[in-house]
Amino acid sequence: MLQVSLDFREEVEEFHGLLQTLEPGDWERATDFKQWTPWDVVAHLHYFDLVSLVALEGEEAFAAEREAFIAAITAGRSLREIARTRFADLDAAGLLGHWQSTAHTLADAPGQSDPKRRLPWFGPDMGVQMFMTARYMEVWAHAQEVYDLVGASRSHADRIENIATIGMKTFGWTFANRQLPLPGPPPYVRLAAPSGEIWQWNEPSETECIRGDAADFCQVVTQVRNIADTALEVRGPVATQWMSIAQCFAGVPVDPPKPGTRGPQS
């Protein structure tokens, strides 16, 4: 099994553990992410895990799924509405069980696949390694709004290196996606992993750099926190501009949350 698939499974189980502690009323409380509820969050993850399993079957099987999804979006339906319609018959407990089961199946599905095998998706095709990394990122990022909602403390493991790596790889794409010129070479990034290990990217620099906690960096590139709400040290115009708009997930440009708008609610 790919290491990232193991990481995905572990992240699912950690989030599942938190979700099991929710009170019945918590499932319909609005989070700070687009007013989604925890039910919406799990439905969203479950929907795209199911779609991912179809993508693993190949282009022919995935074509119909992609066409239906694009038609729904073109008709003006939101991601929240699409998932709510599909799983309308499931209560919180039922949805949680279905999601966990499907996520485990997805973790096992790539098996011993070549990490470079290309899988169809809604945008460009992706290699299996990146495909599973993106699924891991989705779970980790969307879990944060639920942690924030209930005010639960969250610990992190070194598997978040998957997200930090995507964050680094999407430096250029962040600007291209907004049709902005690349302001310069990527800055030096030095992060402290949850284990205390140091992760570094690019040539060391004191004038263009980002230093600090790896979880903070991952929160910024996944847009679950504004850079101002972290303890990251950012120096230089390139690093500063990047951190103000960093986006490691696919899709149209999305602005980060405004300072102070994402964090523990209780």
Protein backbone atom coordinates (compact mmCIF):
# COMPACT_ATOMS: atom_id res chain seq x y z
CA MET A 1 0.00 0.00 0.00
CA LEU A 2 1.21 3.52 -0.76
CA GLN A 3 2.39 5.40 2.31
CA VAL A 4 0.02 8.25 1.53
CA SER A 5 -2.87 5.76 1.52
CA LEU A 6 -1.87 4.69 5.03
CA ASP A 7 -1.68 8.35 6.03
CA PHE A 8 -5.13 8.91 4.55
CA ARG A 9 -6.58 6.02 6.55
CA GLU A 10 -5.02 7.29 9.78
CA GLU A 11 -6.34 10.82 9.19
CA VAL A 12 -9.81 9.41 8.53
CA GLU A 13 -9.71 7.45 11.78
CA GLU A 14 -8.56 10.46 13.77
CA PHE A 15 -11.36 12.63 12.39
CA HIS A 16 -13.85 9.80 12.85
CA GLY A 17 -12.87 9.68 16.52
CA LEU A 18 -13.69 13.37 16.93
CA LEU A 19 -16.99 13.02 15.08
CA GLN A 20 -18.07 10.24 17.42
CA THR A 21 -17.86 12.68 20.34
CA LEU A 22 -20.32 15.16 18.81
CA GLU A 23 -23.65 15.72 20.51
CA PRO A 24 -26.71 15.19 18.29
CA GLY A 25 -27.28 18.95 18.03
CA ASP A 26 -23.68 19.56 16.94
CA TRP A 27 -24.30 17.86 13.60
CA GLU A 28 -26.51 20.75 12.46
CA ARG A 29 -24.51 23.62 13.91
CA ALA A 30 -22.94 25.93 11.33
CA THR A 31 -19.15 25.97 11.11
CA ASP A 32 -17.10 28.96 9.99
CA PHE A 33 -16.57 27.32 6.60
CA LYS A 34 -19.38 28.54 4.35
CA GLN A 35 -21.81 27.81 7.19
CA TRP A 36 -21.46 24.09 6.48
CA THR A 37 -22.49 21.79 9.30
CA PRO A 38 -20.46 18.73 10.38
CA TRP A 39 -23.04 16.68 8.45
CA ASP A 40 -22.22 18.71 5.33
CA VAL A 41 -18.50 18.22 5.87
CA VAL A 42 -18.78 14.44 6.12
CA ALA A 43 -21.23 14.30 3.20
CA HIS A 44 -18.79 16.29 1.06
CA LEU A 45 -15.90 13.96 1.92
CA HIS A 46 -18.05 10.88 1.37
CA TYR A 47 -19.29 12.12 -2.00
CA PHE A 48 -15.82 12.69 -3.38
CA ASP A 49 -14.49 9.43 -1.94
CA LEU A 50 -17.21 7.61 -3.87
CA VAL A 51 -16.37 9.59 -6.99
CA SER A 52 -12.69 8.77 -6.45
CA LEU A 53 -13.46 5.07 -6.46
CA VAL A 54 -15.11 5.51 -9.85
CA ALA A 55 -12.05 7.40 -11.11
CA LEU A 56 -9.90 4.44 -10.10
CA GLU A 57 -11.94 2.30 -12.48
CA GLY A 58 -10.70 4.40 -15.40
CA GLU A 59 -11.82 7.05 -17.87
CA GLU A 60 -14.76 5.14 -19.34
CA ALA A 61 -16.39 4.59 -15.94
CA PHE A 62 -15.59 8.11 -14.74
CA ALA A 63 -16.95 9.96 -17.78
CA ALA A 64 -20.61 9.67 -16.72
CA GLU A 65 -19.82 10.75 -13.16
CA ARG A 66 -17.92 13.79 -14.41
CA GLU A 67 -20.70 14.73 -16.83
CA ALA A 68 -23.36 14.57 -14.11
CA PHE A 69 -21.28 16.64 -11.72
CA ILE A 70 -20.49 19.32 -14.27
CA ALA A 71 -24.16 19.50 -15.28
CA ALA A 72 -25.15 20.04 -11.63
CA ILE A 73 -22.58 22.79 -11.15
CA THR A 74 -23.56 24.45 -14.44
CA ALA A 75 -27.17 24.44 -13.25
CA GLY A 76 -26.10 26.47 -10.26
CA ARG A 77 -26.08 23.76 -7.59
CA SER A 78 -23.43 24.11 -4.89
CA LEU A 79 -21.19 21.35 -3.61
CA ARG A 80 -23.24 21.40 -0.41
CA GLU A 81 -26.50 20.93 -2.31
CA ILE A 82 -25.12 18.11 -4.44
CA ALA A 83 -24.03 16.12 -1.38
CA ARG A 84 -27.21 16.89 0.59
CA THR A 85 -29.33 15.58 -2.28
CA ARG A 86 -27.32 12.40 -2.71
CA PHE A 87 -27.33 11.46 0.96
CA ALA A 88 -30.68 12.94 2.01
CA ASP A 89 -31.83 9.62 3.47
CA LEU A 90 -28.90 9.31 5.90
CA ASP A 91 -28.86 10.61 9.45
CA ALA A 92 -25.57 11.55 11.11
CA ALA A 93 -24.82 8.03 12.38
CA GLY A 94 -25.63 6.44 9.04
CA LEU A 95 -23.58 8.96 7.10
CA LEU A 96 -20.63 8.57 9.43
CA GLY A 97 -20.63 4.79 9.03
CA HIS A 98 -20.91 4.94 5.24
CA TRP A 99 -18.11 7.51 4.99
CA GLN A 100 -15.70 5.52 7.17
CA SER A 101 -16.35 2.33 5.20
CA THR A 102 -15.92 4.04 1.83
CA ALA A 103 -12.77 5.83 2.96
CA HIS A 104 -11.24 2.52 4.03
CA THR A 105 -12.09 1.04 0.64
CA LEU A 106 -10.50 4.03 -1.07
CA ALA A 107 -7.35 3.69 1.03
CA ASP A 108 -7.01 0.06 -0.07
CA ALA A 109 -8.00 0.58 -3.70
CA PRO A 110 -4.68 1.79 -5.20
CA GLY A 111 -3.01 -1.34 -3.81
CA GLN A 112 0.35 -1.77 -5.43
CA SER A 113 -0.46 0.62 -8.26
CA ASP A 114 2.34 2.47 -9.95
CA PRO A 115 2.35 5.90 -8.21
CA LYS A 116 2.69 7.44 -11.69
CA ARG A 117 -0.47 5.82 -13.03
CA ARG A 118 -2.76 8.59 -14.32
CA LEU A 119 -6.31 8.86 -13.02
CA PRO A 120 -9.10 10.93 -14.60
CA TRP A 121 -10.53 13.83 -12.61
CA PHE A 122 -12.56 17.01 -13.11
CA GLY A 123 -9.46 18.97 -14.06
CA PRO A 124 -6.19 17.52 -15.34
CA ASP A 125 -5.52 13.83 -14.77
CA MET A 126 -3.44 13.05 -11.68
CA GLY A 127 -0.93 10.39 -10.75
CA VAL A 128 -2.10 7.95 -8.06
CA GLN A 129 0.34 9.40 -5.52
CA MET A 130 -0.95 12.96 -5.97
CA PHE A 131 -4.54 11.73 -6.20
CA MET A 132 -4.38 10.10 -2.77
CA THR A 133 -2.43 13.03 -1.36
CA ALA A 134 -5.27 15.31 -2.43
CA ARG A 135 -7.81 13.07 -0.68
CA TYR A 136 -5.65 13.16 2.47
CA MET A 137 -5.48 16.95 2.30
CA GLU A 138 -9.28 17.20 2.00
CA VAL A 139 -9.84 15.19 5.17
CA TRP A 140 -7.21 17.09 7.15
CA ALA A 141 -8.41 20.53 6.02
CA HIS A 142 -12.15 19.94 6.38
CA ALA A 143 -11.70 18.37 9.80
CA GLN A 144 -10.41 21.72 11.05
CA GLU A 145 -13.78 23.47 10.84
CA VAL A 146 -15.29 20.78 13.07
CA TYR A 147 -12.45 21.02 15.58
CA ASP A 148 -13.03 24.77 15.59
CA LEU A 149 -16.79 24.39 15.98
CA VAL A 150 -16.58 22.35 19.17
CA GLY A 151 -13.42 24.00 20.48
CA ALA A 152 -11.51 20.72 20.57
CA SER A 153 -7.72 20.76 20.76
CA ARG A 154 -5.99 19.13 17.81
CA SER A 155 -2.66 17.39 17.67
CA HIS A 156 -0.80 16.71 14.45
CA ALA A 157 1.43 13.94 13.12
CA ASP A 158 4.30 14.09 10.66
CA ARG A 159 1.98 12.80 7.96
CA ILE A 160 1.05 16.47 7.40
CA GLU A 161 4.26 16.57 5.36
CA ASN A 162 1.94 15.46 2.53
CA ILE A 163 0.19 18.84 2.75
CA ALA A 164 3.34 20.87 3.21
CA THR A 165 4.73 19.24 0.06
CA ILE A 166 1.60 20.09 -1.94
CA GLY A 167 1.84 23.61 -0.59
CA MET A 168 5.35 23.93 -1.95
CA LYS A 169 4.52 22.34 -5.29
CA THR A 170 1.64 24.77 -5.88
CA PHE A 171 3.70 27.94 -5.37
CA GLY A 172 3.73 28.75 -9.10
CA TRP A 173 0.19 27.50 -9.68
CA THR A 174 -1.17 29.85 -7.00
CA PHE A 175 -0.12 32.83 -9.14
CA ALA A 176 -0.94 31.26 -12.52
CA ASN A 177 -4.43 30.37 -11.30
CA ARG A 178 -5.04 34.07 -10.59
CA GLN A 179 -3.39 35.11 -13.86
CA LEU A 180 -0.70 36.92 -11.88
CA PRO A 181 2.95 37.11 -12.94
CA LEU A 182 5.33 34.99 -10.91
CA PRO A 183 6.93 37.49 -8.50
CA GLY A 184 10.22 35.60 -8.31
CA PRO A 185 11.68 32.24 -7.35
CA PRO A 186 10.03 30.38 -4.47
CA PRO A 187 11.26 31.47 -1.04
CA TYR A 188 13.21 29.41 1.44
CA VAL A 189 10.82 27.50 3.72
CA ARG A 190 11.94 26.01 7.05
CA LEU A 191 9.28 24.27 9.12
CA ALA A 192 9.27 22.42 12.42
CA ALA A 193 7.39 19.13 12.05
CA PRO A 194 5.15 17.85 14.86
CA SER A 195 7.94 15.42 15.80
CA GLY A 196 10.47 18.25 16.01
CA GLU A 197 12.15 17.26 12.75
CA ILE A 198 13.04 20.19 10.48
CA TRP A 199 11.67 20.26 6.94
CA GLN A 200 13.31 22.59 4.43
CA TRP A 201 12.71 23.60 0.82
CA ASN A 202 14.68 25.80 -1.59
CA GLU A 203 17.92 27.69 -1.12
CA PRO A 204 18.49 29.16 2.37
CA SER A 205 17.79 32.88 2.49
CA GLU A 206 17.35 35.51 5.18
CA THR A 207 15.57 37.95 2.87
CA GLU A 208 12.97 35.68 1.26
CA CYS A 209 11.84 33.07 3.73
CA ILE A 210 9.04 31.47 5.72
CA ARG A 211 9.84 29.90 9.08
CA GLY A 212 7.74 28.34 11.79
CA ASP A 213 5.42 25.51 12.65
CA ALA A 214 4.54 23.03 9.88
CA ALA A 215 0.90 22.84 10.95
CA ASP A 216 0.61 26.63 10.66
CA PHE A 217 2.01 26.48 7.13
CA CYS A 218 -0.42 23.68 6.20
CA GLN A 219 -3.33 25.70 7.58
CA VAL A 220 -2.37 28.68 5.43
CA VAL A 221 -1.94 26.79 2.14
CA THR A 222 -5.24 24.94 2.69
CA GLN A 223 -6.89 28.25 3.67
CA VAL A 224 -8.23 27.15 7.04
CA ARG A 225 -6.38 30.07 8.65
CA ASN A 226 -5.30 33.53 7.56
CA ILE A 227 -1.53 34.02 7.74
CA ALA A 228 -2.12 36.75 10.35
CA ASP A 229 -3.65 34.16 12.69
CA THR A 230 -0.52 32.00 12.72
CA ALA A 231 2.92 32.38 14.24
CA LEU A 232 4.72 31.97 10.92
CA GLU A 233 7.61 34.34 10.28
CA VAL A 234 7.40 35.67 6.73
CA ARG A 235 10.12 37.83 5.18
CA GLY A 236 10.37 39.33 1.70
CA PRO A 237 7.86 40.52 -0.90
CA VAL A 238 7.64 37.18 -2.71
CA ALA A 239 6.99 35.18 0.44
CA THR A 240 4.54 37.79 1.71
CA GLN A 241 2.52 37.88 -1.50
CA TRP A 242 2.43 34.09 -1.73
CA MET A 243 1.22 33.62 1.84
CA SER A 244 -1.52 36.21 1.28
CA ILE A 245 -3.11 34.12 -1.50
CA ALA A 246 -1.66 30.60 -1.13
CA GLN A 247 -4.00 27.90 -2.41
CA CYS A 248 -2.89 24.29 -2.67
CA PHE A 249 -6.25 22.87 -3.76
CA ALA A 250 -7.64 22.80 -7.30
CA GLY A 251 -10.37 25.02 -8.67
CA VAL A 252 -10.99 28.69 -9.26
CA PRO A 253 -9.05 31.20 -7.14
CA VAL A 254 -10.35 31.40 -3.59
CA ASP A 255 -9.41 34.10 -1.12
CA PRO A 256 -8.15 33.02 2.31
CA PRO A 257 -10.40 33.69 5.30
CA LYS A 258 -10.10 37.18 6.72
CA PRO A 259 -7.99 37.59 9.87
CA GLY A 260 -9.77 36.43 12.98
CA THR A 261 -12.63 34.69 11.18
CA ARG A 262 -11.44 31.09 11.54
CA GLY A 263 -10.64 29.59 14.91
CA PRO A 264 -12.16 27.82 17.93
CA GLN A 265 -15.80 28.79 18.45
CA SER A 266 -16.24 27.46 21.95
